Amino acid sequence: MLEYLHVKNLALIKEAELLLSGGLNILSGETGAGKSVLLGSVNLALGARADKSLIRTNAPYALIELRFRTEEPETLESLRALGIEPEDGEIILARKILPDRSFARLQGEIVNVSLLSKVSELLINIHGQHDHQKLLREEMHLHVLDEYGKEALEEVKRAYGEAYRKYRQMRDELNALGSGGDEEREARMDFLEFQIREIEDASLKPEEEEEIRADYRRLSDAKKIRETLSMMEGLLSEGTEDRVAEAARLSSSLRDYAPEMKDLSDSVSALESMLADTLRETRKLYEDSDTDEEQLYRLEQRLDLLNSLKRKYGGSIPEVLNTLETLRKEHAALASFNENKERIEAELKTLRTELVHEGRRLHEARTEVSGRFSREMEQALSELNFLSVRFLADVSLTTHYSKDGADDVRFMISLNPGEELKPLSKVASGGELSRIMLAVRTIISESDHVDTLIFDEVDTGISGKTGAMVARKLMEISERHQVICISHLPQIVSMAEHHYLIEKNAADGETVTSITPLSEEESIRALAGLLGGGEVTETSLGNAREMRKRMRATGHTEEQA
């Protein structure tokens, strides 16, 4: 269940914390106090789209944190399948919204919103103010029925899903053969032959490019070395050697006139000797160096070919070779087109027969489930003050097969004696739809492993005796699940096991929404305010105590006095 909610800097909420319990939790407050913001914060933490406009004015970010705890074995197993290991059954979700981005954390680690959404589906179901409108969309009726009959339909849906997967795979294989005529197929084969030949003629080897590039660098470097040595030899020998030799001769003659010139003469002689040695070494290195210009040209041509093939068929030689295998397979398939087509069509016919068979099995199973669902819906609706109601989940088999089967499911209802069954979208009003959705959730919750259910404004369009019956139904659901209900209807508020008041106040030039857990007496005063049109009087307090005592003690559904 949801144990803890922390919201900071979100719309009107500066900072709020909420510790929740099991059973029936009621959140009430005046219109505009921020109840929808609170529900929105939960949705955000569970992966809803984040918008920077939600950040409280002048705040740097918005933050929502949720802490769940579950001991449900199936939920824990599903979480582990997603790579999540709850510590002592505890799961912590957080969402931080910044002006330029948002990010989510699960068990302290940053995760993507997709994973967050998958986790949330295992922990909580949220029914907002307009979710009941989904019942008007007949494409949703199939999913509602399948959710109700999840365990009964599991095996047959799995078998149908496997048959559908095989059928689609074979149909895709047939489509891959192409729908063109013989000329188009022959043109395609000619082009494939050209591509195959172009790659095969290159005699590619997976590792050759690296070897060629290494050889090319070596030969290219050798060419640069030889050119440099040639330039050096030219600079050192172009008259330099003769001039230094002449300088050495002249410096030697100086020693006859000035003995102190000996060191200079020795230096010039050493320079002559060093120059001679350097020039000799440079010439030797040049003569010993070798550049195979022809081999270097061949390597350049090979690299150009490899680059051309990579541009056409893949970013690397292994990818080009993989492309070659793909081209060969396509060519072989086209070459044996008629044979392949006959084989695939025969297999497709067999798979179609299997698909139809599994589709009928699924239809029969759904029809059986729909009978139970219809009977339970009639009972649940009668407990929500629908008189002489008749309900039918009509399941019809079509010839169109999709991943969900070949069934059309349509909810039919009659709300008055003598009236024929009509599509739900043609009959029910807004208030009636909200009760019908509540009946659906009541039935599904009996086998649902999700711990927490949130209902927002489930009291839309109802009052009096009907409101009391809705309150009793919420209490019934809360016996198996944690229920969090946002409501301002006295009959529902009076049933609260845990009551929280949402208020909006102005202080220090800003508006702040707060959430306060109420004691028994505070809850009665809040209920009295609802009964008294906002004013708390002795009369309204007495009525509140009487209503709370009567609703909590007996769960009667009679209209309030």
Protein backbone atom coordinates (compact mmCIF):
# COMPACT_ATOMS: atom_id res chain seq x y z
CA MET A 1 0.00 0.00 0.00
CA LEU A 2 0.95 3.66 -0.26
CA GLU A 3 2.43 4.58 3.13
CA TYR A 4 3.96 8.00 2.56
CA LEU A 5 3.57 10.94 0.19
CA HIS A 6 5.89 13.96 0.15
CA VAL A 7 5.27 16.90 -2.18
CA LYS A 8 7.45 20.01 -2.42
CA ASN A 9 7.14 23.14 -4.60
CA LEU A 10 4.34 21.76 -6.77
CA ALA A 11 1.75 24.38 -7.86
CA LEU A 12 0.14 25.67 -4.63
CA ILE A 13 1.83 23.09 -2.44
CA LYS A 14 4.94 24.53 -0.83
CA GLU A 15 5.67 21.37 1.13
CA ALA A 16 3.33 18.68 2.38
CA GLU A 17 3.73 15.23 3.87
CA LEU A 18 1.05 12.59 4.19
CA LEU A 19 1.26 9.35 6.18
CA LEU A 20 -1.42 6.95 4.96
CA SER A 21 -2.91 3.79 6.41
CA GLY A 22 -4.81 0.79 5.11
CA GLY A 23 -8.57 0.77 4.78
CA LEU A 24 -10.63 3.74 3.63
CA ASN A 25 -8.72 7.04 3.48
CA ILE A 26 -10.84 10.10 2.66
CA LEU A 27 -9.38 13.42 1.49
CA SER A 28 -11.87 16.29 1.58
CA GLY A 29 -11.71 20.06 1.17
CA GLU A 30 -13.24 23.03 -0.56
CA THR A 31 -13.27 23.26 -4.35
CA GLY A 32 -9.95 24.73 -5.52
CA ALA A 33 -8.13 23.80 -2.32
CA GLY A 34 -5.67 21.63 -4.24
CA LYS A 35 -7.16 18.14 -4.21
CA SER A 36 -6.51 17.72 -7.93
CA VAL A 37 -2.91 18.91 -7.46
CA LEU A 38 -2.40 16.23 -4.86
CA LEU A 39 -3.69 13.53 -7.19
CA GLY A 40 -1.61 15.02 -9.98
CA SER A 41 1.51 14.74 -7.83
CA VAL A 42 0.94 11.01 -7.46
CA ASN A 43 0.50 10.68 -11.23
CA LEU A 44 3.74 12.60 -11.80
CA ALA A 45 5.67 10.35 -9.44
CA LEU A 46 4.30 7.36 -11.34
CA GLY A 47 5.49 8.58 -14.74
CA ALA A 48 2.98 11.13 -16.05
CA ARG A 49 4.29 13.87 -18.36
CA ALA A 50 6.06 16.61 -16.39
CA ASP A 51 5.69 20.30 -17.25
CA LYS A 52 7.88 23.08 -15.85
CA SER A 53 4.75 25.20 -15.32
CA LEU A 54 3.91 22.88 -12.41
CA ILE A 55 6.90 24.17 -10.43
CA ARG A 56 5.80 26.57 -7.71
CA THR A 57 6.49 30.23 -8.54
CA ASN A 58 10.08 31.25 -7.69
CA ALA A 59 11.00 27.69 -6.67
CA PRO A 60 14.02 26.05 -8.36
CA TYR A 61 12.36 22.63 -8.70
CA ALA A 62 9.39 20.46 -7.74
CA LEU A 63 9.76 17.13 -5.94
CA ILE A 64 7.37 14.24 -5.33
CA GLU A 65 8.24 11.14 -3.30
CA LEU A 66 6.12 8.02 -2.73
CA ARG A 67 6.81 5.09 -0.43
CA PHE A 68 4.94 1.83 -0.98
CA ARG A 69 5.01 -1.40 0.97
CA THR A 70 3.71 -4.72 -0.34
CA GLU A 71 3.71 -8.29 0.86
CA GLU A 72 1.73 -9.60 -2.12
CA PRO A 73 3.78 -12.54 -3.54
CA GLU A 74 2.61 -12.00 -7.14
CA THR A 75 3.50 -8.30 -6.99
CA LEU A 76 6.93 -9.03 -5.52
CA GLU A 77 7.58 -11.63 -8.22
CA SER A 78 6.58 -9.17 -10.95
CA LEU A 79 8.84 -6.49 -9.46
CA ARG A 80 11.78 -8.91 -9.42
CA ALA A 81 11.08 -9.73 -13.07
CA LEU A 82 11.66 -6.01 -13.75
CA GLY A 83 14.98 -6.17 -11.91
CA ILE A 84 13.69 -4.55 -8.70
CA GLU A 85 14.31 -6.15 -5.34
CA PRO A 86 12.18 -4.43 -2.63
CA GLU A 87 13.89 -4.19 0.74
CA ASP A 88 11.47 -5.58 3.34
CA GLY A 89 8.72 -5.09 0.76
CA GLU A 90 9.41 -1.34 0.50
CA ILE A 91 9.47 0.50 -2.83
CA ILE A 92 10.42 4.18 -3.01
CA LEU A 93 9.65 6.31 -6.08
CA ALA A 94 10.68 9.92 -6.59
CA ARG A 95 10.31 12.48 -9.38
CA LYS A 96 12.19 15.77 -9.56
CA ILE A 97 11.06 18.42 -12.04
CA LEU A 98 13.51 21.15 -13.10
CA PRO A 99 12.83 24.02 -15.53
CA ASP A 100 14.71 22.27 -18.35
CA ARG A 101 14.28 18.58 -17.54
CA SER A 102 12.97 16.02 -15.08
CA PHE A 103 14.25 12.73 -13.77
CA ALA A 104 12.91 9.83 -11.74
CA ARG A 105 14.42 7.62 -9.08
CA LEU A 106 13.44 4.12 -8.06
CA GLN A 107 15.04 2.66 -4.95
CA GLY A 108 17.51 5.57 -5.09
CA GLU A 109 18.67 4.89 -8.66
CA ILE A 110 17.81 7.04 -11.68
CA VAL A 111 15.44 5.18 -14.03
CA ASN A 112 13.49 5.99 -17.18
CA VAL A 113 9.81 6.90 -17.04
CA SER A 114 8.87 3.72 -18.91
CA LEU A 115 10.11 1.54 -16.05
CA LEU A 116 8.41 3.82 -13.55
CA SER A 117 5.09 3.33 -15.32
CA LYS A 118 5.48 -0.46 -15.34
CA VAL A 119 6.20 -0.48 -11.62
CA SER A 120 3.26 1.80 -10.86
CA GLU A 121 0.85 -0.57 -12.64
CA LEU A 122 1.80 -3.24 -10.11
CA LEU A 123 1.28 -1.02 -7.08
CA ILE A 124 -1.63 1.34 -7.66
CA ASN A 125 -4.71 2.03 -9.78
CA ILE A 126 -5.86 5.64 -10.13
CA HIS A 127 -9.36 6.55 -11.25
CA GLY A 128 -9.59 10.25 -12.00
CA GLN A 129 -12.60 12.48 -12.41
CA HIS A 130 -13.01 11.62 -16.09
CA ASP A 131 -11.83 8.00 -16.18
CA HIS A 132 -15.42 6.78 -16.21
CA GLN A 133 -15.75 8.40 -19.64
CA LYS A 134 -13.51 5.62 -20.96
CA LEU A 135 -16.49 3.29 -20.54
CA LEU A 136 -18.11 5.12 -23.46
CA ARG A 137 -15.33 3.84 -25.73
CA GLU A 138 -16.34 0.35 -26.75
CA GLU A 139 -12.75 -0.62 -27.55
CA MET A 140 -12.14 -0.43 -23.78
CA HIS A 141 -14.84 -3.00 -22.97
CA LEU A 142 -12.70 -5.90 -24.20
CA HIS A 143 -9.84 -4.88 -21.90
CA VAL A 144 -12.19 -4.51 -18.91
CA LEU A 145 -13.61 -7.99 -19.50
CA ASP A 146 -10.13 -9.50 -19.91
CA GLU A 147 -8.96 -7.82 -16.72
CA TYR A 148 -11.92 -9.32 -14.87
CA GLY A 149 -11.30 -12.80 -16.29
CA LYS A 150 -7.51 -12.61 -16.18
CA GLU A 151 -6.93 -15.95 -14.46
CA ALA A 152 -9.64 -17.85 -16.36
CA LEU A 153 -8.40 -16.50 -19.71
CA GLU A 154 -4.66 -16.70 -19.10
CA GLU A 155 -3.97 -20.08 -20.73
CA VAL A 156 -6.25 -19.63 -23.74
CA LYS A 157 -4.96 -16.09 -24.36
CA ARG A 158 -1.41 -17.39 -24.25
CA ALA A 159 -2.24 -20.11 -26.80
CA TYR A 160 -4.01 -17.60 -29.06
CA GLY A 161 -1.12 -15.16 -28.75
CA GLU A 162 1.36 -17.82 -29.87
CA ALA A 163 -0.85 -18.78 -32.84
CA TYR A 164 -1.21 -15.12 -33.81
CA ARG A 165 2.55 -14.56 -33.55
CA LYS A 166 3.30 -17.49 -35.87
CA TYR A 167 0.63 -16.40 -38.33
CA ARG A 168 1.89 -12.82 -38.47
CA GLN A 169 5.48 -14.00 -38.84
CA MET A 170 4.59 -16.22 -41.80
CA ARG A 171 2.44 -13.49 -43.36
CA ASP A 172 5.34 -11.05 -43.06
CA GLU A 173 7.59 -13.62 -44.72
CA LEU A 174 5.15 -13.86 -47.63
CA ASN A 175 5.01 -10.07 -47.92
CA ALA A 176 8.81 -9.96 -47.91
CA LEU A 177 8.84 -11.95 -51.15
CA GLY A 178 7.35 -8.92 -52.82
CA SER A 179 4.17 -8.37 -54.75
CA GLY A 180 5.74 -7.29 -58.06
CA GLY A 181 5.56 -9.18 -61.36
CA ASP A 182 8.19 -11.26 -63.11
CA GLU A 183 9.88 -8.25 -64.76
CA GLU A 184 10.24 -6.42 -61.48
CA ARG A 185 11.58 -9.55 -59.79
CA GLU A 186 14.11 -10.16 -62.60
CA ALA A 187 15.27 -6.54 -62.42
CA ARG A 188 15.76 -6.93 -58.71
CA MET A 189 17.72 -10.15 -59.21
CA ASP A 190 19.98 -8.46 -61.79
CA PHE A 191 20.75 -5.67 -59.37
CA LEU A 192 21.40 -8.14 -56.55
CA GLU A 193 23.79 -10.08 -58.81
CA PHE A 194 25.70 -6.88 -59.55
CA GLN A 195 25.99 -6.07 -55.84
CA ILE A 196 27.00 -9.62 -54.91
CA ARG A 197 29.61 -9.72 -57.70
CA GLU A 198 31.01 -6.33 -56.67
CA ILE A 199 31.60 -7.53 -53.14
CA GLU A 200 32.78 -11.04 -54.07
CA ASP A 201 35.31 -9.69 -56.61
CA ALA A 202 36.96 -7.76 -53.81
CA SER A 203 37.81 -11.05 -51.97
CA LEU A 204 37.42 -9.34 -48.63
CA LYS A 205 38.94 -10.59 -45.40
CA PRO A 206 37.53 -9.42 -42.04
CA GLU A 207 40.86 -8.17 -40.62
CA GLU A 208 42.61 -7.05 -43.80
CA GLU A 209 41.82 -3.34 -43.54
CA GLU A 210 43.84 -2.94 -40.34
CA GLU A 211 46.78 -4.82 -41.85
CA ILE A 212 46.68 -2.76 -45.06
CA ARG A 213 46.55 0.50 -43.14
CA ALA A 214 49.57 -0.58 -41.05
CA ASP A 215 51.56 -1.46 -44.22
CA TYR A 216 50.48 1.77 -45.87
CA ARG A 217 51.62 3.83 -42.86
CA ARG A 218 54.97 2.02 -42.84
CA LEU A 219 55.62 2.59 -46.54
CA SER A 220 54.35 6.15 -46.39
CA ASP A 221 56.65 6.90 -43.45
CA ALA A 222 59.61 5.31 -45.31
CA LYS A 223 58.95 7.57 -48.27
CA LYS A 224 58.96 10.65 -46.04
CA ILE A 225 62.24 9.51 -44.38
CA ARG A 226 63.97 9.02 -47.76
CA GLU A 227 62.80 12.42 -48.99
CA THR A 228 64.07 14.09 -45.80
CA LEU A 229 67.47 12.36 -46.00
CA SER A 230 67.83 13.50 -49.62
CA MET A 231 67.15 17.10 -48.62
CA MET A 232 69.64 16.85 -45.75
CA GLU A 233 72.35 15.40 -48.00
CA GLY A 234 71.85 18.22 -50.46
CA LEU A 235 72.10 20.92 -47.79
CA LEU A 236 75.21 19.39 -46.25
CA SER A 237 77.06 18.81 -49.52
CA GLU A 238 76.25 21.88 -51.61
CA GLY A 239 79.66 23.60 -51.14
CA THR A 240 79.47 23.33 -47.38
CA GLU A 241 82.03 20.51 -47.22
CA ASP A 242 84.59 22.42 -49.39
CA ARG A 243 84.14 25.65 -47.47
CA VAL A 244 84.64 23.98 -44.09
CA ALA A 245 87.77 22.19 -45.47
CA GLU A 246 89.17 25.55 -46.66
CA ALA A 247 88.41 27.09 -43.27
CA ALA A 248 90.27 24.19 -41.59
CA ARG A 249 93.32 24.77 -43.85
CA LEU A 250 93.34 28.48 -43.08
CA SER A 251 92.95 27.98 -39.34
CA SER A 252 95.85 25.52 -39.40
CA SER A 253 98.12 28.18 -40.96
CA LEU A 254 97.24 30.59 -38.16
CA ARG A 255 99.12 28.38 -35.72
CA ASP A 256 102.38 29.32 -37.46
CA TYR A 257 101.78 33.00 -36.68
CA ALA A 258 99.98 32.87 -33.36
CA PRO A 259 100.27 29.84 -31.11
CA GLU A 260 97.22 31.06 -29.14
CA MET A 261 95.14 30.23 -32.25
CA LYS A 262 95.64 26.49 -31.60
CA ASP A 263 92.24 25.96 -29.91
CA LEU A 264 90.43 27.69 -32.78
CA SER A 265 92.33 25.60 -35.32
CA ASP A 266 91.46 22.39 -33.44
CA SER A 267 87.77 23.33 -33.31
CA VAL A 268 87.60 24.01 -37.03
CA SER A 269 89.42 20.73 -37.74
CA ALA A 270 86.94 18.88 -35.50
CA LEU A 271 84.04 20.59 -37.32
CA GLU A 272 85.49 19.42 -40.64
CA SER A 273 85.74 15.86 -39.37
CA MET A 274 82.19 15.92 -37.87
CA LEU A 275 80.75 17.32 -41.09
CA ALA A 276 82.45 14.63 -43.11
CA ASP A 277 81.14 11.90 -40.76
CA THR A 278 77.59 13.35 -40.77
CA LEU A 279 77.50 13.63 -44.52
CA ARG A 280 78.81 10.09 -44.91
CA GLU A 281 76.16 8.75 -42.48
CA THR A 282 73.38 10.68 -44.21
CA ARG A 283 74.39 9.33 -47.64
CA LYS A 284 74.60 5.79 -46.27
CA LEU A 285 71.13 6.01 -44.69
CA TYR A 286 69.70 7.42 -47.91
CA GLU A 287 71.30 4.66 -50.00
CA ASP A 288 70.07 2.00 -47.57
CA SER A 289 66.51 3.37 -47.43
CA ASP A 290 63.94 1.91 -49.80
CA THR A 291 60.48 2.99 -50.90
CA ASP A 292 58.35 0.58 -52.89
CA GLU A 293 56.30 3.12 -54.83
CA GLU A 294 54.44 0.42 -56.71
CA GLN A 295 53.41 -1.37 -53.50
CA LEU A 296 52.36 1.94 -51.95
CA TYR A 297 50.15 2.63 -54.98
CA ARG A 298 48.58 -0.83 -54.75
CA LEU A 299 47.78 -0.26 -51.07
CA GLU A 300 46.19 3.11 -51.84
CA GLN A 301 44.01 1.50 -54.50
CA ARG A 302 42.95 -1.28 -52.10
CA LEU A 303 42.03 1.22 -49.38
CA ASP A 304 39.99 3.23 -51.90
CA LEU A 305 38.11 0.05 -52.84
CA LEU A 306 37.44 -0.88 -49.22
CA ASN A 307 36.16 2.63 -48.44
CA SER A 308 33.88 2.53 -51.47
CA LEU A 309 32.40 -0.82 -50.40
CA LYS A 310 31.91 0.43 -46.86
CA ARG A 311 30.05 3.49 -48.10
CA LYS A 312 27.71 1.27 -50.10
CA TYR A 313 27.25 -1.78 -47.91
CA GLY A 314 28.29 -1.08 -44.33
CA GLY A 315 30.57 0.86 -42.03
CA SER A 316 33.15 -1.90 -41.68
CA ILE A 317 34.44 -4.92 -43.60
CA PRO A 318 32.55 -7.40 -41.31
CA GLU A 319 29.36 -5.40 -41.95
CA VAL A 320 29.99 -5.51 -45.72
CA LEU A 321 30.40 -9.30 -45.49
CA ASN A 322 27.14 -9.53 -43.48
CA THR A 323 25.44 -7.51 -46.20
CA LEU A 324 26.80 -9.95 -48.76
CA GLU A 325 25.11 -12.85 -46.94
CA THR A 326 21.84 -10.90 -46.81
CA LEU A 327 22.01 -10.16 -50.54
CA ARG A 328 22.73 -13.81 -51.31
CA LYS A 329 19.72 -14.93 -49.25
CA GLU A 330 17.42 -12.45 -50.97
CA HIS A 331 18.72 -13.50 -54.35
CA ALA A 332 18.20 -17.18 -53.49
CA ALA A 333 14.67 -16.45 -52.27
CA LEU A 334 13.82 -14.62 -55.49
CA ALA A 335 15.41 -17.35 -57.58
CA SER A 336 13.10 -19.90 -55.94
CA PHE A 337 10.20 -17.46 -55.64
CA ASN A 338 7.43 -19.74 -56.87
CA GLU A 339 8.60 -22.65 -54.74
CA ASN A 340 8.88 -20.44 -51.64
CA LYS A 341 5.56 -18.78 -52.27
CA GLU A 342 3.75 -22.11 -52.54
CA ARG A 343 5.45 -23.37 -49.36
CA ILE A 344 4.64 -20.22 -47.39
CA GLU A 345 1.06 -20.07 -48.62
CA ALA A 346 0.54 -23.70 -47.56
CA GLU A 347 2.02 -23.02 -44.12
CA LEU A 348 0.01 -19.81 -43.87
CA LYS A 349 -3.19 -21.74 -44.58
CA THR A 350 -2.36 -24.20 -41.81
CA LEU A 351 -1.51 -21.39 -39.40
CA ARG A 352 -4.72 -19.56 -40.32
CA THR A 353 -6.72 -22.67 -39.43
CA GLU A 354 -4.89 -22.86 -36.10
CA LEU A 355 -5.48 -19.13 -35.52
CA VAL A 356 -9.20 -19.48 -36.19
CA HIS A 357 -9.36 -22.48 -33.85
CA GLU A 358 -7.60 -20.64 -31.03
CA GLY A 359 -9.71 -17.56 -31.72
CA ARG A 360 -12.87 -19.61 -31.24
CA ARG A 361 -11.50 -21.09 -28.03
CA LEU A 362 -10.78 -17.59 -26.76
CA HIS A 363 -14.26 -16.45 -27.83
CA GLU A 364 -15.90 -19.32 -25.95
CA ALA A 365 -13.84 -18.60 -22.86
CA ARG A 366 -14.69 -14.90 -23.03
CA THR A 367 -18.37 -15.72 -23.48
CA GLU A 368 -18.29 -17.81 -20.31
CA VAL A 369 -16.44 -15.06 -18.43
CA SER A 370 -18.88 -12.44 -19.73
CA GLY A 371 -21.80 -14.37 -18.23
CA ARG A 372 -20.26 -14.25 -14.76
CA PHE A 373 -19.20 -10.65 -15.25
CA SER A 374 -22.70 -9.60 -16.33
CA ARG A 375 -24.33 -11.27 -13.32
CA GLU A 376 -21.86 -9.73 -10.87
CA MET A 377 -22.28 -6.33 -12.51
CA GLU A 378 -26.06 -6.49 -12.11
CA GLN A 379 -25.62 -7.33 -8.42
CA ALA A 380 -23.04 -4.57 -7.90
CA LEU A 381 -25.19 -2.00 -9.73
CA SER A 382 -28.26 -2.89 -7.68
CA GLU A 383 -26.15 -2.20 -4.56
CA LEU A 384 -25.39 1.23 -6.04
CA ASN A 385 -29.10 2.17 -6.25
CA PHE A 386 -29.80 1.10 -9.84
CA LEU A 387 -33.37 -0.24 -9.82
CA SER A 388 -34.35 -3.18 -12.05
CA VAL A 389 -31.03 -2.89 -13.83
CA ARG A 390 -30.01 -5.38 -16.49
CA PHE A 391 -26.43 -5.59 -17.75
CA LEU A 392 -24.83 -7.65 -20.51
CA ALA A 393 -21.24 -7.85 -21.69
CA ASP A 394 -22.04 -8.87 -25.26
CA VAL A 395 -19.23 -10.84 -26.93
CA SER A 396 -19.46 -11.33 -30.70
CA LEU A 397 -17.00 -13.20 -32.93
CA THR A 398 -15.76 -11.32 -36.02
CA THR A 399 -13.60 -12.30 -38.97
CA HIS A 400 -10.93 -9.76 -38.07
CA TYR A 401 -8.06 -11.23 -36.05
CA SER A 402 -5.77 -8.98 -34.01
CA LYS A 403 -3.35 -9.54 -31.15
CA ASP A 404 -6.36 -9.48 -28.78
CA GLY A 405 -8.41 -12.05 -30.69
CA ALA A 406 -11.40 -11.77 -33.01
CA ASP A 407 -13.96 -10.58 -30.47
CA ASP A 408 -15.96 -7.39 -30.25
CA VAL A 409 -17.13 -6.71 -26.69
CA ARG A 410 -19.87 -4.20 -26.02
CA PHE A 411 -21.46 -3.35 -22.68
CA MET A 412 -25.25 -3.23 -22.90
CA ILE A 413 -27.49 -1.91 -20.13
CA SER A 414 -31.12 -1.30 -19.26
CA LEU A 415 -31.73 1.08 -16.37
CA ASN A 416 -35.52 0.96 -16.24
CA PRO A 417 -38.09 -1.86 -16.14
CA GLY A 418 -39.38 -2.81 -19.58
CA GLU A 419 -36.58 -1.07 -21.47
CA GLU A 420 -34.52 -3.12 -23.89
CA LEU A 421 -30.77 -3.44 -23.52
CA LYS A 422 -28.92 -0.61 -25.25
CA PRO A 423 -25.23 0.28 -25.67
CA LEU A 424 -23.85 1.92 -22.53
CA SER A 425 -22.89 5.05 -24.48
CA LYS A 426 -26.53 5.57 -25.49
CA VAL A 427 -28.01 5.35 -22.00
CA ALA A 428 -25.84 6.33 -19.06
CA SER A 429 -25.40 9.88 -17.73
CA GLY A 430 -22.24 11.21 -16.06
CA GLY A 431 -23.35 10.29 -12.55
CA GLU A 432 -24.48 6.86 -13.69
CA LEU A 433 -21.18 6.25 -15.48
CA SER A 434 -19.20 7.02 -12.32
CA ARG A 435 -21.25 4.43 -10.42
CA ILE A 436 -20.90 1.89 -13.21
CA MET A 437 -17.12 2.39 -13.16
CA LEU A 438 -17.18 1.92 -9.37
CA ALA A 439 -19.11 -1.33 -9.85
CA VAL A 440 -16.49 -2.48 -12.38
CA ARG A 441 -13.65 -1.70 -9.99
CA THR A 442 -15.48 -3.43 -7.13
CA ILE A 443 -15.77 -6.65 -9.10
CA ILE A 444 -12.25 -6.55 -10.53
CA SER A 445 -10.73 -5.71 -7.14
CA GLU A 446 -11.82 -9.09 -5.79
CA SER A 447 -9.10 -10.79 -7.85
CA ASP A 448 -6.81 -7.77 -8.35
CA HIS A 449 -3.36 -7.97 -6.74
CA VAL A 450 -2.85 -4.19 -6.78
CA ASP A 451 -2.79 -2.98 -3.17
CA THR A 452 -3.89 0.64 -3.59
CA LEU A 453 -6.86 2.20 -5.38
CA ILE A 454 -7.35 5.96 -5.69
CA PHE A 455 -10.77 7.40 -6.57
CA ASP A 456 -11.06 11.07 -7.46
CA GLU A 457 -14.56 12.62 -7.35
CA VAL A 458 -16.33 9.25 -7.55
CA ASP A 459 -19.32 11.12 -6.11
CA THR A 460 -19.86 13.17 -9.29
CA GLY A 461 -23.57 13.58 -10.01
CA ILE A 462 -24.86 11.62 -6.99
CA SER A 463 -26.39 12.46 -3.62
CA GLY A 464 -28.71 11.18 -0.94
CA LYS A 465 -29.39 7.45 -0.77
CA THR A 466 -27.23 6.79 -3.84
CA GLY A 467 -24.30 8.56 -2.19
CA ALA A 468 -24.70 6.39 0.90
CA MET A 469 -24.67 3.25 -1.25
CA VAL A 470 -21.54 4.42 -3.05
CA ALA A 471 -19.91 5.03 0.32
CA ARG A 472 -20.77 1.51 1.42
CA LYS A 473 -19.30 0.12 -1.80
CA LEU A 474 -16.04 2.00 -1.17
CA MET A 475 -15.94 0.54 2.33
CA GLU A 476 -16.46 -2.91 0.83
CA ILE A 477 -13.49 -2.45 -1.52
CA SER A 478 -11.35 -1.14 1.37
CA GLU A 479 -11.74 -4.48 3.11
CA ARG A 480 -9.41 -5.98 0.46
CA HIS A 481 -7.41 -2.93 -0.66
CA GLN A 482 -6.14 0.38 0.56
CA VAL A 483 -8.62 2.95 -0.79
CA ILE A 484 -7.79 6.64 -1.11
CA CYS A 485 -10.83 8.67 -2.08
CA ILE A 486 -11.04 12.39 -2.82
CA SER A 487 -14.59 13.49 -2.06
CA HIS A 488 -16.79 16.28 -0.68
CA LEU A 489 -19.96 14.19 -0.37
CA PRO A 490 -21.02 13.87 3.30
CA GLN A 491 -22.13 10.25 2.96
CA ILE A 492 -18.68 9.21 1.73
CA VAL A 493 -16.75 11.44 4.13
CA SER A 494 -18.73 9.99 7.06
CA MET A 495 -17.35 6.52 6.24
CA ALA A 496 -13.72 7.56 6.56
CA GLU A 497 -11.49 5.35 8.64
CA HIS A 498 -8.77 7.95 8.13
CA HIS A 499 -9.75 11.51 7.24
CA TYR A 500 -7.48 14.24 5.84
CA LEU A 501 -8.41 17.85 5.22
CA ILE A 502 -6.98 19.77 2.25
CA GLU A 503 -7.02 23.54 2.74
CA LYS A 504 -5.78 26.58 0.83
CA ASN A 505 -4.58 29.55 2.90
CA ALA A 506 -2.96 32.91 2.16
CA ALA A 507 -0.02 33.98 4.31
CA ASP A 508 2.92 36.36 3.84
CA GLY A 509 1.74 37.27 0.36
CA GLU A 510 1.55 33.71 -0.97
CA THR A 511 -1.08 30.98 -1.27
CA VAL A 512 -0.27 27.61 0.24
CA THR A 513 -2.14 24.29 0.19
CA SER A 514 -1.84 22.12 3.29
CA ILE A 515 -2.91 18.58 4.17
CA THR A 516 -3.90 17.82 7.76
CA PRO A 517 -4.85 14.44 9.30
CA LEU A 518 -7.99 14.85 11.38
CA SER A 519 -8.86 13.38 14.74
CA GLU A 520 -12.30 11.87 15.29
CA GLU A 521 -13.70 15.15 16.60
CA GLU A 522 -12.03 17.19 13.83
CA SER A 523 -13.45 14.81 11.26
CA ILE A 524 -16.95 15.32 12.68
CA ARG A 525 -16.52 19.10 12.52
CA ALA A 526 -15.38 18.86 8.87
CA LEU A 527 -18.41 16.66 8.13
CA ALA A 528 -20.66 19.15 9.90
CA GLY A 529 -19.27 21.89 7.65
CA LEU A 530 -20.25 19.87 4.59
CA LEU A 531 -23.75 19.27 5.99
CA GLY A 532 -24.17 22.88 7.03
CA GLY A 533 -23.06 24.48 3.78
CA GLY A 534 -19.74 25.57 5.25
CA GLU A 535 -21.05 26.62 8.68
CA VAL A 536 -20.59 24.49 11.77
CA THR A 537 -23.56 24.72 14.17
CA GLU A 538 -24.80 22.58 17.03
CA THR A 539 -27.43 21.19 14.70
CA SER A 540 -24.96 20.32 11.97
CA LEU A 541 -22.57 18.81 14.54
CA GLY A 542 -25.40 16.64 15.86
CA ASN A 543 -26.32 15.56 12.37
CA ALA A 544 -22.66 14.81 11.60
CA ARG A 545 -22.26 12.64 14.71
CA GLU A 546 -25.46 10.78 13.92
CA MET A 547 -24.51 10.25 10.28
CA ARG A 548 -21.01 9.07 11.11
CA LYS A 549 -22.29 6.71 13.81
CA ARG A 550 -24.98 5.28 11.55
CA MET A 551 -22.82 4.93 8.41
CA ARG A 552 -19.74 3.55 10.17
CA ALA A 553 -21.64 1.17 12.44
CA THR A 554 -24.11 -0.40 10.03
CA GLY A 555 -23.22 0.73 6.53
CA HIS A 556 -26.93 1.40 5.87
CA THR A 557 -27.64 2.93 2.49
CA GLU A 558 -30.77 4.82 3.30
CA GLU A 559 -30.89 8.50 2.40
CA GLN A 560 -29.65 10.79 5.13
CA ALA A 561 -32.36 12.28 7.32
